[in-house]
C-alpha atoms as a PDB file:
ATOM      1  CA  ASN A   1      14.954  57.868 116.417  1.00  0.00           C
ATOM      2  CA  THR A   2      16.055  54.355 116.016  1.00  0.00           C
ATOM      3  CA  THR A   3      12.625  53.345 114.856  1.00  0.00           C
ATOM      4  CA  MET A   4      12.455  56.196 112.385  1.00  0.00           C
ATOM      5  CA  GLY A   5      15.834  55.266 111.021  1.00  0.00           C
ATOM      6  CA  GLN A   6      14.747  51.717 110.500  1.00  0.00           C
ATOM      7  CA  LEU A   7      11.548  52.864 108.841  1.00  0.00           C
ATOM      8  CA  SER A   8      13.489  55.213 106.602  1.00  0.00           C
ATOM      9  CA  HIS A   9      15.904  52.446 105.730  1.00  0.00           C
ATOM     10  CA  SER A  10      13.013  50.119 104.949  1.00  0.00           C
ATOM     11  CA  LEU A  11      11.367  52.760 102.787  1.00  0.00           C
ATOM     12  CA  ASN A  12      14.611  53.298 100.924  1.00  0.00           C
ATOM     13  CA  GLN A  13      14.941  49.594 100.367  1.00  0.00           C
ATOM     14  CA  MET A  14      11.322  49.493  99.173  1.00  0.00           C
ATOM     15  CA  VAL A  15      11.926  52.378  96.779  1.00  0.00           C
ATOM     16  CA  ASN A  16      15.074  50.757  95.497  1.00  0.00           C
ATOM     17  CA  GLY A  17      13.174  47.493  95.049  1.00  0.00           C
ATOM     18  CA  LEU A  18      10.374  49.250  93.238  1.00  0.00           C
ATOM     19  CA  SER A  19      12.914  51.030  91.023  1.00  0.00           C
ATOM     20  CA  ALA A  20      14.594  47.741  90.214  1.00  0.00           C
ATOM     21  CA  LEU A  21      11.191  46.110  89.579  1.00  0.00           C
ATOM     22  CA  THR A  22      10.259  49.036  87.378  1.00  0.00           C
ATOM     23  CA  LEU A  23      13.470  48.593  85.400  1.00  0.00           C
ATOM     24  CA  ARG A  24      12.809  44.874  85.028  1.00  0.00           C
ATOM     25  CA  ILE A  25       9.239  45.583  83.965  1.00  0.00           C
ATOM     26  CA  ARG A  26      10.462  48.074  81.418  1.00  0.00           C
ATOM     27  CA  GLY A  27      13.009  45.543  80.098  1.00  0.00           C
ATOM     28  CA  SER A  28      10.331  42.902  79.953  1.00  0.00           C
ATOM     29  CA  SER A  29       7.987  45.298  78.206  1.00  0.00           C
ATOM     30  CA  THR A  30      10.676  46.127  75.664  1.00  0.00           C
ATOM     31  CA  THR A  31      11.359  42.439  75.129  1.00  0.00           C
ATOM     32  CA  ILE A  32       7.646  41.697  74.833  1.00  0.00           C
ATOM     33  CA  SER A  33       7.219  44.608  72.431  1.00  0.00           C
ATOM     34  CA  SER A  34      10.122  43.329  70.327  1.00  0.00           C
ATOM     35  CA  MET A  35       8.678  39.821  70.368  1.00  0.00           C
ATOM     36  CA  VAL A  36       5.259  41.170  69.408  1.00  0.00           C
ATOM     37  CA  SER A  37       6.835  43.137  66.568  1.00  0.00           C
ATOM     38  CA  GLU A  38       8.721  40.074  65.367  1.00  0.00           C
ATOM     39  CA  LEU A  39       5.557  38.012  65.654  1.00  0.00           C
ATOM     40  CA  HIS A  40       3.692  40.647  63.677  1.00  0.00           C
ATOM     41  CA  HIS A  41       6.360  40.574  60.950  1.00  0.00           C
ATOM     42  CA  SER A  42       6.266  36.784  60.963  1.00  0.00           C
ATOM     43  CA  ILE A  43       2.480  36.805  60.666  1.00  0.00           C
ATOM     44  CA  ASN A  44       2.743  39.301  57.784  1.00  0.00           C
ATOM     45  CA  ASP A  45       5.355  37.122  56.075  1.00  0.00           C
ATOM     46  CA  GLN A  46       3.246  34.018  56.566  1.00  0.00           C
ATOM     47  CA  SER A  47       0.209  35.900  55.283  1.00  0.00           C
ATOM     48  CA  ALA A  48       2.132  36.977  52.175  1.00  0.00           C
ATOM     49  CA  GLY A  49       3.413  33.422  51.728  1.00  0.00           C
ATOM     50  CA  ALA A  50      -0.090  32.066  52.119  1.00  0.00           C
ATOM     51  CA  SER A  51      -1.330  34.544  49.506  1.00  0.00           C
ATOM     52  CA  GLU A  52       1.423  33.478  47.153  1.00  0.00           C
ATOM     53  CA  GLN A  53       0.629  29.820  47.831  1.00  0.00           C
ATOM     54  CA  ALA A  54      -3.053  30.505  47.213  1.00  0.00           C
ATOM     55  CA  ALA A  55      -2.200  32.226  43.908  1.00  0.00           C
ATOM     56  CA  SER A  56       0.092  29.342  43.022  1.00  0.00           C
ATOM     57  CA  VAL A  57      -2.651  26.848  43.865  1.00  0.00           C
ATOM     58  CA  ASN A  58      -5.115  28.809  41.731  1.00  0.00           C
ATOM     59  CA  GLN A  59      -2.646  28.884  38.849  1.00  0.00           C
ATOM     60  CA  THR A  60      -2.044  25.162  39.313  1.00  0.00           C
ATOM     61  CA  VAL A  61      -5.791  24.518  39.231  1.00  0.00           C
ATOM     62  CA  ILE A  62      -6.114  26.598  36.064  1.00  0.00           C
ATOM     63  CA  THR A  63      -3.168  24.731  34.499  1.00  0.00           C
ATOM     64  CA  LEU A  64      -4.701  21.397  35.480  1.00  0.00           C
ATOM     65  CA  GLU A  65      -8.014  22.429  33.938  1.00  0.00           C
ATOM     66  CA  GLN A  66      -6.228  23.427  30.749  1.00  0.00           C
ATOM     67  CA  LEU A  67      -4.307  20.139  30.807  1.00  0.00           C
ATOM     68  CA  LYS A  68      -7.563  18.278  31.333  1.00  0.00           C
ATOM     69  CA  THR A  69      -9.125  20.040  28.362  1.00  0.00           C
ATOM     70  CA  SER A  70      -6.014  19.439  26.241  1.00  0.00           C
ATOM     71  CA  SER A  71      -5.933  15.792  27.303  1.00  0.00           C
ATOM     72  CA  ALA A  72      -9.594  15.372  26.394  1.00  0.00           C
ATOM     73  CA  GLN A  73      -8.930  16.889  22.970  1.00  0.00           C
ATOM     74  CA  THR A  74      -5.857  14.705  22.535  1.00  0.00           C
ATOM     75  CA  LEU A  75      -7.880  11.658  23.538  1.00  0.00           C
ATOM     76  CA  LEU A  76     -10.584  12.514  21.024  1.00  0.00           C
ATOM     77  CA  LYS A  77      -8.028  13.097  18.261  1.00  0.00           C
ATOM     78  CA  ALA A  78      -6.194   9.886  19.150  1.00  0.00           C
ATOM     79  CA  ARG A  79      -9.415   7.892  19.049  1.00  0.00           C
ATOM     80  CA  THR A  80     -10.384   9.513  15.750  1.00  0.00           C
ATOM     81  CA  LEU A  81      -6.939   8.770  14.341  1.00  0.00           C
ATOM     82  CA  GLY A  82      -7.226   5.217  15.631  1.00  0.00           C
ATOM     83  CA  ASP A  83     -10.600   4.778  13.922  1.00  0.00           C
ATOM     84  CA  ILE A  84      -9.219   6.207  10.675  1.00  0.00           C
ATOM     85  CA  ALA A  85      -6.155   3.970  10.907  1.00  0.00           C
ATOM     86  CA  GLU A  86      -8.340   0.945  11.621  1.00  0.00           C
ATOM     87  CA  ASN A  87     -10.554   1.715   8.622  1.00  0.00           C
ATOM     88  CA  ALA A  88      -7.449   2.254   6.489  1.00  0.00           C
ATOM     89  CA  ARG A  89      -6.063  -1.068   7.707  1.00  0.00           C
ATOM     90  CA  HIS A  90      -9.332  -2.788   6.825  1.00  0.00           C
ATOM     91  CA  GLU A  91      -9.332  -1.199   3.366  1.00  0.00           C
ATOM     92  CA  GLY A  92      -5.668  -2.149   3.038  1.00  0.00           C
ATOM     93  CA  ASP A  93      -6.557  -5.765   3.766  1.00  0.00           C
ATOM     94  CA  ASN A  94      -9.242  -5.645   1.083  1.00  0.00           C
ATOM     95  CA  GLY A  95      -6.815  -3.982  -1.344  1.00  0.00           C
ATOM     96  CA  ARG A  96      -4.141  -6.567  -0.607  1.00  0.00           C
ATOM     97  CA  GLU A  97      -6.603  -9.416  -1.201  1.00  0.00           C
ATOM     98  CA  ALA A  98      -7.744  -7.782  -4.456  1.00  0.00           C
ATOM     99  CA  ILE A  99      -4.128  -7.374  -5.606  1.00  0.00           C
ATOM    100  CA  GLU A 100      -3.316 -10.970  -4.704  1.00  0.00           C
ATOM    101  CA  GLN A 101      -6.358 -12.105  -6.688  1.00  0.00           C
ATOM    102  CA  SER A 102      -5.259  -9.868  -9.584  1.00  0.00           C
ATOM    103  CA  ILE A 103      -1.823 -11.493  -9.504  1.00  0.00           C
ATOM    104  CA  VAL A 104      -3.445 -14.929  -9.655  1.00  0.00           C
ATOM    105  CA  ASP A 105      -5.694 -13.814 -12.541  1.00  0.00           C
ATOM    106  CA  MET A 106      -2.751 -12.263 -14.403  1.00  0.00           C
ATOM    107  CA  LYS A 107      -0.770 -15.464 -14.048  1.00  0.00           C
ATOM    108  CA  ILE A 108      -3.753 -17.426 -15.387  1.00  0.00           C
ATOM    109  CA  VAL A 109      -3.960 -15.034 -18.357  1.00  0.00           C
ATOM    110  CA  GLN A 110      -0.198 -15.346 -18.838  1.00  0.00           C
ATOM    111  CA  ASN A 111      -0.464 -19.142 -18.921  1.00  0.00           C
ATOM    112  CA  LYS A 112      -3.380 -18.944 -21.360  1.00  0.00           C
ATOM    113  CA  MET A 113      -1.425 -16.576 -23.603  1.00  0.00           C
ATOM    114  CA  ALA A 114       1.497 -18.989 -23.557  1.00  0.00           C
ATOM    115  CA  ALA A 115      -0.861 -21.875 -24.423  1.00  0.00           C
ATOM    116  CA  ILE A 116      -2.368 -19.840 -27.280  1.00  0.00           C
ATOM    117  CA  ALA A 117       1.093 -18.982 -28.592  1.00  0.00           C
ATOM    118  CA  HIS A 118       2.063 -22.656 -28.448  1.00  0.00           C
ATOM    119  CA  THR A 119      -1.144 -23.615 -30.268  1.00  0.00           C
ATOM    120  CA  ILE A 120      -0.512 -20.996 -32.960  1.00  0.00           C
ATOM    121  CA  LEU A 121       3.041 -22.230 -33.446  1.00  0.00           C
ATOM    122  CA  THR A 122       1.728 -25.786 -33.752  1.00  0.00           C
ATOM    123  CA  LEU A 123      -0.861 -24.555 -36.267  1.00  0.00           C
ATOM    124  CA  ASN A 124       1.915 -22.844 -38.218  1.00  0.00           C
ATOM    125  CA  GLU A 125       3.799 -26.101 -38.370  1.00  0.00           C
ATOM    126  CA  LEU A 126       0.685 -27.901 -39.606  1.00  0.00           C
ATOM    127  CA  ILE A 127       0.104 -25.175 -42.212  1.00  0.00           C
ATOM    128  CA  GLN A 128       3.683 -25.583 -43.365  1.00  0.00           C
ATOM    129  CA  ARG A 129       3.182 -29.336 -43.707  1.00  0.00           C
ATOM    130  CA  ILE A 130      -0.088 -28.847 -45.594  1.00  0.00           C
ATOM    131  CA  GLY A 131       1.679 -26.349 -47.838  1.00  0.00           C
ATOM    132  CA  ASP A 132       4.403 -28.898 -48.537  1.00  0.00           C
ATOM    133  CA  ILE A 133       1.719 -31.483 -49.383  1.00  0.00           C
ATOM    134  CA  THR A 134      -0.184 -29.113 -51.699  1.00  0.00           C
ATOM    135  CA  THR A 135       3.092 -28.211 -53.381  1.00  0.00           C
ATOM    136  CA  SER A 136       3.704 -31.896 -53.983  1.00  0.00           C
ATOM    137  CA  VAL A 137       0.145 -32.328 -55.266  1.00  0.00           C
ATOM    138  CA  HIS A 138       0.598 -29.310 -57.525  1.00  0.00           C
ATOM    139  CA  ASP A 139       3.819 -30.754 -58.923  1.00  0.00           C
ATOM    140  CA  ILE A 140       2.132 -34.136 -59.463  1.00  0.00           C
ATOM    141  CA  ALA A 141      -0.809 -32.448 -61.219  1.00  0.00           C
ATOM    142  CA  ARG A 142       1.570 -30.478 -63.424  1.00  0.00           C
ATOM    143  CA  GLN A 143       3.406 -33.690 -64.327  1.00  0.00           C
ATOM    144  CA  LEU A 144       0.081 -35.447 -65.015  1.00  0.00           C
ATOM    145  CA  ARG A 145      -0.914 -32.584 -67.275  1.00  0.00           C
ATOM    146  CA  LEU A 146       2.323 -32.919 -69.211  1.00  0.00           C
ATOM    147  CA  ILE A 147       1.899 -36.673 -69.371  1.00  0.00           C
ATOM    148  CA  SER A 148      -1.719 -36.284 -70.572  1.00  0.00           C
ATOM    149  CA  LEU A 149      -0.563 -33.853 -73.247  1.00  0.00           C
ATOM    150  CA  ASN A 150       2.056 -36.329 -74.413  1.00  0.00           C
ATOM    151  CA  ALA A 151      -0.533 -39.110 -74.296  1.00  0.00           C
ATOM    152  CA  ALA A 152      -2.963 -37.052 -76.360  1.00  0.00           C
ATOM    153  CA  ILE A 153      -0.257 -36.412 -78.923  1.00  0.00           C
ATOM    154  CA  GLU A 154       0.598 -40.125 -79.068  1.00  0.00           C
ATOM    155  CA  ALA A 155      -3.115 -41.025 -79.285  1.00  0.00           C
ATOM    156  CA  SER A 156      -3.622 -38.662 -82.190  1.00  0.00           C
ATOM    157  CA  ASN A 157      -0.659 -40.225 -83.937  1.00  0.00           C
ATOM    158  CA  ALA A 158      -2.187 -43.687 -83.398  1.00  0.00           C
ATOM    159  CA  GLY A 159      -5.290 -42.799 -85.416  1.00  0.00           C
ATOM    160  CA  GLU A 160      -8.467 -44.792 -84.739  1.00  0.00           C
ATOM    161  CA  ALA A 161      -6.702 -47.113 -82.372  1.00  0.00           C
ATOM    162  CA  GLY A 162      -5.751 -44.227 -80.138  1.00  0.00           C
ATOM    163  CA  LYS A 163      -9.150 -42.520 -79.887  1.00  0.00           C
ATOM    164  CA  GLY A 164     -10.142 -44.246 -76.650  1.00  0.00           C
ATOM    165  CA  PHE A 165      -6.764 -43.498 -75.149  1.00  0.00           C
ATOM    166  CA  ALA A 166      -7.098 -39.887 -76.295  1.00  0.00           C
ATOM    167  CA  VAL A 167     -10.377 -39.540 -74.360  1.00  0.00           C
ATOM    168  CA  VAL A 168      -8.700 -40.860 -71.216  1.00  0.00           C
ATOM    169  CA  ALA A 169      -5.754 -38.515 -71.773  1.00  0.00           C
ATOM    170  CA  VAL A 170      -8.128 -35.545 -72.041  1.00  0.00           C
ATOM    171  CA  GLU A 171      -9.887 -36.514 -68.809  1.00  0.00           C
ATOM    172  CA  VAL A 172      -6.555 -36.931 -67.071  1.00  0.00           C
ATOM    173  CA  LYS A 173      -5.497 -33.555 -68.388  1.00  0.00           C
ATOM    174  CA  GLN A 174      -8.693 -31.915 -67.090  1.00  0.00           C
ATOM    175  CA  LEU A 175      -8.280 -33.644 -63.736  1.00  0.00           C
ATOM    176  CA  ALA A 176      -4.701 -32.435 -63.541  1.00  0.00           C
ATOM    177  CA  GLU A 177      -5.772 -28.878 -64.354  1.00  0.00           C
ATOM    178  CA  ARG A 178      -8.506 -28.947 -61.681  1.00  0.00           C
ATOM    179  CA  SER A 179      -5.986 -30.336 -59.222  1.00  0.00           C
ATOM    180  CA  GLN A 180      -3.597 -27.547 -60.058  1.00  0.00           C
ATOM    181  CA  GLN A 181      -6.314 -24.945 -59.620  1.00  0.00           C
ATOM    182  CA  SER A 182      -7.388 -26.517 -56.322  1.00  0.00           C
ATOM    183  CA  THR A 183      -3.845 -26.614 -55.007  1.00  0.00           C
ATOM    184  CA  ILE A 184      -3.371 -22.982 -56.039  1.00  0.00           C
ATOM    185  CA  SER A 185      -6.542 -22.030 -54.137  1.00  0.00           C
ATOM    186  CA  VAL A 186      -5.484 -24.098 -51.132  1.00  0.00           C
ATOM    187  CA  GLN A 187      -2.034 -22.533 -51.172  1.00  0.00           C
ATOM    188  CA  SER A 188      -3.602 -19.067 -51.356  1.00  0.00           C
ATOM    189  CA  MET A 189      -5.814 -19.855 -48.362  1.00  0.00           C
ATOM    190  CA  LEU A 190      -2.887 -21.366 -46.510  1.00  0.00           C
ATOM    191  CA  GLU A 191      -0.892 -18.212 -47.152  1.00  0.00           C
ATOM    192  CA  GLU A 192      -3.722 -16.101 -45.739  1.00  0.00           C
ATOM    193  CA  ILE A 193      -3.935 -18.399 -42.716  1.00  0.00           C
ATOM    194  CA  ARG A 194      -0.181 -18.228 -42.276  1.00  0.00           C
ATOM    195  CA  LEU A 195      -0.258 -14.426 -42.371  1.00  0.00           C
ATOM    196  CA  ALA A 196      -3.136 -14.437 -39.895  1.00  0.00           C
ATOM    197  CA  THR A 197      -1.273 -16.790 -37.578  1.00  0.00           C
ATOM    198  CA  ASP A 198       1.834 -14.617 -37.858  1.00  0.00           C
ATOM    199  CA  ARG A 199      -0.241 -11.630 -36.787  1.00  0.00           C
ATOM    200  CA  ALA A 200      -1.742 -13.731 -34.019  1.00  0.00           C
ATOM    201  CA  VAL A 201       1.733 -14.753 -32.870  1.00  0.00           C
ATOM    202  CA  MET A 202       2.837 -11.123 -32.814  1.00  0.00           C
ATOM    203  CA  ALA A 203      -0.330 -10.163 -30.941  1.00  0.00           C
ATOM    204  CA  THR A 204       0.155 -12.934 -28.375  1.00  0.00           C
ATOM    205  CA  GLU A 205       3.778 -11.925 -27.925  1.00  0.00           C
ATOM    206  CA  GLU A 206       2.750  -8.307 -27.343  1.00  0.00           C
ATOM    207  CA  GLY A 207      -0.035  -9.505 -25.077  1.00  0.00           C
ATOM    208  CA  SER A 208       2.385 -11.683 -23.140  1.00  0.00           C
ATOM    209  CA  LYS A 209       4.755  -8.745 -22.739  1.00  0.00           C
ATOM    210  CA  GLY A 210       1.866  -6.574 -21.596  1.00  0.00           C
ATOM    211  CA  VAL A 211       0.710  -9.218 -19.144  1.00  0.00           C
ATOM    212  CA  GLU A 212       4.256  -9.603 -17.831  1.00  0.00           C
ATOM    213  CA  LEU A 213       4.636  -5.851 -17.376  1.00  0.00           C
ATOM    214  CA  GLY A 214       1.216  -5.670 -15.746  1.00  0.00           C
ATOM    215  CA  LEU A 215       2.128  -8.522 -13.429  1.00  0.00           C
ATOM    216  CA  LYS A 216       5.355  -6.789 -12.412  1.00  0.00           C
ATOM    217  CA  GLN A 217       3.462  -3.543 -11.840  1.00  0.00           C
ATOM    218  CA  ILE A 218       0.869  -5.320  -9.710  1.00  0.00           C
ATOM    219  CA  GLN A 219       3.628  -7.022  -7.722  1.00  0.00           C
ATOM    220  CA  ARG A 220       5.296  -3.644  -7.114  1.00  0.00           C
ATOM    221  CA  THR A 221       1.908  -2.263  -6.081  1.00  0.00           C
ATOM    222  CA  ALA A 222       1.494  -5.216  -3.740  1.00  0.00           C
ATOM    223  CA  LYS A 223       4.795  -4.333  -2.064  1.00  0.00           C
ATOM    224  CA  VAL A 224       3.716  -0.709  -1.700  1.00  0.00           C
ATOM    225  CA  VAL A 225       0.377  -1.781  -0.237  1.00  0.00           C
ATOM    226  CA  ALA A 226       2.154  -4.167   2.145  1.00  0.00           C
ATOM    227  CA  ASN A 227       4.423  -1.350   3.343  1.00  0.00           C
ATOM    228  CA  LEU A 228       1.436   0.963   3.647  1.00  0.00           C
ATOM    229  CA  GLU A 229      -0.468  -1.696   5.555  1.00  0.00           C
ATOM    230  CA  THR A 230       2.453  -2.036   7.969  1.00  0.00           C
ATOM    231  CA  ALA A 231       2.605   1.753   8.447  1.00  0.00           C
ATOM    232  CA  VAL A 232      -1.140   1.931   9.018  1.00  0.00           C
ATOM    233  CA  GLY A 233      -0.920  -0.936  11.511  1.00  0.00           C
ATOM    234  CA  ASP A 234       1.834   0.892  13.374  1.00  0.00           C
ATOM    235  CA  THR A 235      -0.289   4.056  13.359  1.00  0.00           C
ATOM    236  CA  SER A 236      -3.287   2.155  14.708  1.00  0.00           C
ATOM    237  CA  LEU A 237      -1.160   0.621  17.473  1.00  0.00           C
ATOM    238  CA  ALA A 238       0.381   3.984  18.324  1.00  0.00           C
ATOM    239  CA  SER A 239      -3.102   5.554  18.477  1.00  0.00           C
ATOM    240  CA  ARG A 240      -4.290   2.883  20.894  1.00  0.00           C
ATOM    241  CA  GLN A 241      -1.195   3.435  23.030  1.00  0.00           C
ATOM    242  CA  ILE A 242      -1.856   7.201  23.029  1.00  0.00           C
ATOM    243  CA  VAL A 243      -5.461   6.587  24.085  1.00  0.00           C
ATOM    244  CA  LEU A 244      -4.308   4.371  26.942  1.00  0.00           C
ATOM    245  CA  ALA A 245      -1.643   6.888  27.956  1.00  0.00           C
ATOM    246  CA  VAL A 246      -4.080   9.817  27.927  1.00  0.00           C
END
């Protein structure tokens, strides 16, 4: 009986131990199941995150490809703009040199016009002096003609003795008349020359004004070209900087 009691007690203890072990196993199983579930959710979340990251990477790649294409186009446009600006700058240099040469030529023309005007004024003065001289000659010839007429009258009054003097008086009279006619012709020509020189003076004055206006216009154009050249130079520099940046 004692042995059976001990065996029964041992069996009870074994059953109780198995029950407790079963409870612990169940608790462990529940814990493991919960951990597995959490791990499964975590894996699902990570999988979703990885999918999103993959989509984001794909979108980034697409964006980078688009940026690459856009950058290539920008680079091409910048280089084209730089070439155009460089050509424009070169043409601007040629235009500036041509304008500077035009200014020099206009100043030369202006100086020549001034010299011509001075020469015409000097010629006018000479014509005036010649006119004064011919007027004096004309007056002298008129006086000689009067004197020859008086001499002819006196010679005729002197009879035979005055015949030789009368011949001289007639010759003097004819010489005086030819002198008067010559001075009249010279004065007429001088008047025509004076009118021509007056027209020439007016023409040179108008020409000088035109040259002066043209010179001012060319100088204003030179300023515009200089400003344009500066702008084109800035554009060329900016294009090179864009090329380097791209």
